[in-house]
Structure formats: structure tokens, C-alpha cells
């Protein structure tokens, strides 16, 4: 966040470079292979065990299979999950993933959206 003053003109010259940087982050496309490598190294097996529990309620294990980017402006990331209940990912785990994505890929001043797609045993049958 940058504070400015229209009255005095303080830090007004700093705005344009920040807008350009934020626009670049908003249009950033991260390849699925890079996302999955990042996910394996930082999210599914966090160093130091600092990740919160991924499941709402905490009674059954939900597994995130992989992650992909589904859209731009703002960036949308889709997490494919399986197992556990259909309750979904806990909000703190979603926020944890969002913060790690923001740090790793430098999403400056842009909102990130996370969407979960849950795969059940029945959905795989035809």
C-alpha cells in the first residue's frame, strides 16, 4: 500500500510504476508444471510443519491432487481434491495456499481466487 497526497503532491510520482507492476501481476500466467512443483515442495510437504490442517472439521483426510491456473484478471487457481468429506478445504488452509502463491510468484497488489473441485469415487465412473 502506498499513501499519497493529491493536495501536496507527495509520492504522486510513485503511482504509475506500481500500477504497471500490479497490472503485470494481474495478467501473470503460471504454467501447471511450475504450480505443481511449487505445490509439492511447499504446500503438500511443508518444511517445519507450518501448514494448517486442510480439512473442515478435521475428521477425515482430504488430499489436494494438483493445482492449475484457470483464469486471469484476477488470477484463478483451481485445486483438485479427493478423499475425505465434501466439506472442502478449511478457510485457513485456503489463505495459507494463497499467501504462499503470492510470495512465490510475486502477485503484487492483485486478488487471488481459489476454487476447489472435489473428485468423489462416483464422479470417476462412467
C-alpha atoms as a PDB file:
ATOM      1  CA  UNK A   1       0.000   0.000   0.000  1.00  0.00           C
ATOM      2  CA  UNK A   2       1.248   3.451  -0.870  1.00  0.00           C
ATOM      3  CA  UNK A   3      -0.172   6.590   0.662  1.00  0.00           C
ATOM      4  CA  UNK A   4      -0.250   9.720  -1.469  1.00  0.00           C
ATOM      5  CA  UNK A   5      -1.483  13.268  -1.167  1.00  0.00           C
ATOM      6  CA  UNK A   6      -3.282  14.992  -4.014  1.00  0.00           C
ATOM      7  CA  UNK A   7      -3.179  18.225  -2.039  1.00  0.00           C
ATOM      8  CA  UNK A   8       0.609  18.375  -1.617  1.00  0.00           C
ATOM      9  CA  UNK A   9       1.599  16.021  -4.441  1.00  0.00           C
ATOM     10  CA  UNK A  10       3.510  13.816  -2.012  1.00  0.00           C
ATOM     11  CA  UNK A  11       4.529  10.450  -3.590  1.00  0.00           C
ATOM     12  CA  UNK A  12       2.285  11.011  -6.638  1.00  0.00           C
ATOM     13  CA  UNK A  13       5.183  10.150  -8.958  1.00  0.00           C
ATOM     14  CA  UNK A  14       5.340   6.662  -7.392  1.00  0.00           C
ATOM     15  CA  UNK A  15       1.900   5.637  -8.639  1.00  0.00           C
ATOM     16  CA  UNK A  16       2.494   4.748 -12.284  1.00  0.00           C
ATOM     17  CA  UNK A  17       5.303   2.195 -11.714  1.00  0.00           C
ATOM     18  CA  UNK A  18       3.166   0.496  -9.048  1.00  0.00           C
ATOM     19  CA  UNK A  19       0.140   0.378 -11.339  1.00  0.00           C
ATOM     20  CA  UNK A  20       2.253  -1.191 -14.095  1.00  0.00           C
ATOM     21  CA  UNK A  21       3.623  -3.770 -11.621  1.00  0.00           C
ATOM     22  CA  UNK A  22       0.118  -4.603 -10.326  1.00  0.00           C
ATOM     23  CA  UNK A  23      -1.215  -4.961 -13.887  1.00  0.00           C
ATOM     24  CA  UNK A  24       1.625  -7.336 -14.775  1.00  0.00           C
ATOM     25  CA  UNK A  25       0.792  -9.456 -11.710  1.00  0.00           C
ATOM     26  CA  UNK A  26      -2.893  -9.477 -12.658  1.00  0.00           C
ATOM     27  CA  UNK A  27      -2.040 -10.856 -16.105  1.00  0.00           C
ATOM     28  CA  UNK A  28       0.566 -13.369 -14.921  1.00  0.00           C
ATOM     29  CA  UNK A  29       0.064 -16.931 -16.199  1.00  0.00           C
ATOM     30  CA  UNK A  30       1.845 -19.662 -14.218  1.00  0.00           C
ATOM     31  CA  UNK A  31       2.305 -22.994 -16.046  1.00  0.00           C
ATOM     32  CA  UNK A  32       0.673 -26.018 -14.398  1.00  0.00           C
ATOM     33  CA  UNK A  33       4.012 -27.864 -14.152  1.00  0.00           C
ATOM     34  CA  UNK A  34       5.522 -24.954 -12.184  1.00  0.00           C
ATOM     35  CA  UNK A  35       2.472 -24.763  -9.924  1.00  0.00           C
ATOM     36  CA  UNK A  36       2.547 -28.482  -9.169  1.00  0.00           C
ATOM     37  CA  UNK A  37       6.280 -28.450  -8.436  1.00  0.00           C
ATOM     38  CA  UNK A  38       5.764 -25.497  -6.109  1.00  0.00           C
ATOM     39  CA  UNK A  39       2.792 -27.259  -4.513  1.00  0.00           C
ATOM     40  CA  UNK A  40       4.723 -30.471  -3.856  1.00  0.00           C
ATOM     41  CA  UNK A  41       7.697 -28.635  -2.360  1.00  0.00           C
ATOM     42  CA  UNK A  42       5.879 -26.025  -0.284  1.00  0.00           C
ATOM     43  CA  UNK A  43       2.282 -26.975   0.377  1.00  0.00           C
ATOM     44  CA  UNK A  44       1.778 -30.737   0.493  1.00  0.00           C
ATOM     45  CA  UNK A  45       5.067 -31.341   2.363  1.00  0.00           C
ATOM     46  CA  UNK A  46       5.748 -28.018   4.148  1.00  0.00           C
ATOM     47  CA  UNK A  47       9.108 -27.539   5.807  1.00  0.00           C
ATOM     48  CA  UNK A  48       8.736 -27.268   9.561  1.00  0.00           C
ATOM     49  CA  UNK A  49       5.106 -28.431   9.517  1.00  0.00           C
ATOM     50  CA  UNK A  50       3.769 -24.886   9.434  1.00  0.00           C
ATOM     51  CA  UNK A  51       0.723 -25.596   7.252  1.00  0.00           C
ATOM     52  CA  UNK A  52      -2.730 -25.616   8.873  1.00  0.00           C
ATOM     53  CA  UNK A  53      -4.996 -28.660   8.608  1.00  0.00           C
ATOM     54  CA  UNK A  54      -6.580 -28.774   5.123  1.00  0.00           C
ATOM     55  CA  UNK A  55      -9.975 -30.207   6.148  1.00  0.00           C
ATOM     56  CA  UNK A  56     -13.007 -28.520   7.666  1.00  0.00           C
ATOM     57  CA  UNK A  57     -13.882 -30.421  10.819  1.00  0.00           C
ATOM     58  CA  UNK A  58     -10.570 -32.275  10.726  1.00  0.00           C
ATOM     59  CA  UNK A  59     -12.056 -35.773  10.933  1.00  0.00           C
ATOM     60  CA  UNK A  60     -11.151 -37.178   7.526  1.00  0.00           C
ATOM     61  CA  UNK A  61      -8.129 -36.576   5.342  1.00  0.00           C
ATOM     62  CA  UNK A  62      -8.685 -34.511   2.226  1.00  0.00           C
ATOM     63  CA  UNK A  63      -5.913 -34.649  -0.340  1.00  0.00           C
ATOM     64  CA  UNK A  64      -5.102 -31.948  -2.863  1.00  0.00           C
ATOM     65  CA  UNK A  65      -4.153 -33.849  -6.022  1.00  0.00           C
ATOM     66  CA  UNK A  66      -2.913 -30.957  -8.129  1.00  0.00           C
ATOM     67  CA  UNK A  67      -3.333 -27.267  -8.822  1.00  0.00           C
ATOM     68  CA  UNK A  68      -3.740 -25.362 -12.067  1.00  0.00           C
ATOM     69  CA  UNK A  69      -4.436 -21.783 -13.089  1.00  0.00           C
ATOM     70  CA  UNK A  70      -7.914 -21.446 -14.514  1.00  0.00           C
ATOM     71  CA  UNK A  71      -8.109 -17.764 -15.348  1.00  0.00           C
ATOM     72  CA  UNK A  72      -6.668 -14.264 -15.314  1.00  0.00           C
ATOM     73  CA  UNK A  73      -7.746 -10.809 -14.172  1.00  0.00           C
ATOM     74  CA  UNK A  74      -7.777 -11.680 -11.292  1.00  0.00           C
ATOM     75  CA  UNK A  75      -5.818 -14.943 -11.283  1.00  0.00           C
ATOM     76  CA  UNK A  76      -7.933 -18.020 -10.533  1.00  0.00           C
ATOM     77  CA  UNK A  77      -6.326 -21.185  -9.192  1.00  0.00           C
ATOM     78  CA  UNK A  78      -8.221 -24.474  -9.210  1.00  0.00           C
ATOM     79  CA  UNK A  79      -7.322 -27.091  -6.598  1.00  0.00           C
ATOM     80  CA  UNK A  80      -8.398 -30.627  -7.446  1.00  0.00           C
ATOM     81  CA  UNK A  81      -9.095 -32.607  -4.270  1.00  0.00           C
ATOM     82  CA  UNK A  82     -10.069 -36.184  -3.470  1.00  0.00           C
ATOM     83  CA  UNK A  83     -10.871 -38.315  -0.460  1.00  0.00           C
ATOM     84  CA  UNK A  84     -12.239 -37.037   2.786  1.00  0.00           C
ATOM     85  CA  UNK A  85     -15.581 -35.344   3.052  1.00  0.00           C
ATOM     86  CA  UNK A  86     -17.122 -32.895   0.611  1.00  0.00           C
ATOM     87  CA  UNK A  87     -16.918 -30.218   3.314  1.00  0.00           C
ATOM     88  CA  UNK A  88     -13.939 -28.790   1.487  1.00  0.00           C
ATOM     89  CA  UNK A  89     -10.732 -27.050   2.390  1.00  0.00           C
ATOM     90  CA  UNK A  90     -10.617 -25.083   5.611  1.00  0.00           C
ATOM     91  CA  UNK A  91     -10.542 -21.300   5.117  1.00  0.00           C
ATOM     92  CA  UNK A  92      -7.211 -21.033   6.947  1.00  0.00           C
ATOM     93  CA  UNK A  93      -5.663 -23.609   4.595  1.00  0.00           C
ATOM     94  CA  UNK A  94      -7.005 -21.693   1.576  1.00  0.00           C
ATOM     95  CA  UNK A  95      -5.497 -18.486   2.961  1.00  0.00           C
ATOM     96  CA  UNK A  96      -2.203 -20.318   3.600  1.00  0.00           C
ATOM     97  CA  UNK A  97      -2.087 -21.500  -0.043  1.00  0.00           C
ATOM     98  CA  UNK A  98      -2.978 -18.019  -1.290  1.00  0.00           C
ATOM     99  CA  UNK A  99      -0.188 -16.430   0.760  1.00  0.00           C
ATOM    100  CA  UNK A 100       2.386 -18.964  -0.465  1.00  0.00           C
ATOM    101  CA  UNK A 101       1.315 -18.378  -4.101  1.00  0.00           C
ATOM    102  CA  UNK A 102       1.580 -14.631  -3.577  1.00  0.00           C
ATOM    103  CA  UNK A 103       5.119 -14.968  -2.166  1.00  0.00           C
ATOM    104  CA  UNK A 104       6.430 -17.477  -4.709  1.00  0.00           C
ATOM    105  CA  UNK A 105       5.088 -15.928  -7.914  1.00  0.00           C
ATOM    106  CA  UNK A 106       5.073 -12.267  -6.812  1.00  0.00           C
ATOM    107  CA  UNK A 107       1.394 -11.466  -7.237  1.00  0.00           C
ATOM    108  CA  UNK A 108       1.698  -7.810  -6.246  1.00  0.00           C
ATOM    109  CA  UNK A 109      -1.465  -5.890  -5.304  1.00  0.00           C
ATOM    110  CA  UNK A 110      -3.857  -8.273  -7.018  1.00  0.00           C
ATOM    111  CA  UNK A 111      -6.523 -10.507  -5.507  1.00  0.00           C
ATOM    112  CA  UNK A 112      -6.142 -14.255  -5.951  1.00  0.00           C
ATOM    113  CA  UNK A 113      -9.138 -16.539  -6.266  1.00  0.00           C
ATOM    114  CA  UNK A 114      -9.046 -20.193  -5.222  1.00  0.00           C
ATOM    115  CA  UNK A 115     -11.634 -22.684  -6.391  1.00  0.00           C
ATOM    116  CA  UNK A 116     -11.872 -26.255  -5.210  1.00  0.00           C
ATOM    117  CA  UNK A 117     -13.056 -29.141  -7.372  1.00  0.00           C
ATOM    118  CA  UNK A 118     -13.751 -32.260  -5.342  1.00  0.00           C
ATOM    119  CA  UNK A 119     -13.489 -35.646  -7.005  1.00  0.00           C
ATOM    120  CA  UNK A 120     -15.507 -38.466  -5.480  1.00  0.00           C
ATOM    121  CA  UNK A 121     -15.329 -42.159  -6.294  1.00  0.00           C
ATOM    122  CA  UNK A 122     -18.649 -41.904  -8.127  1.00  0.00           C
ATOM    123  CA  UNK A 123     -17.550 -38.983 -10.324  1.00  0.00           C
ATOM    124  CA  UNK A 124     -14.749 -41.068 -11.856  1.00  0.00           C
ATOM    125  CA  UNK A 125     -17.116 -43.820 -13.076  1.00  0.00           C
ATOM    126  CA  UNK A 126     -18.903 -43.733 -16.427  1.00  0.00           C
END
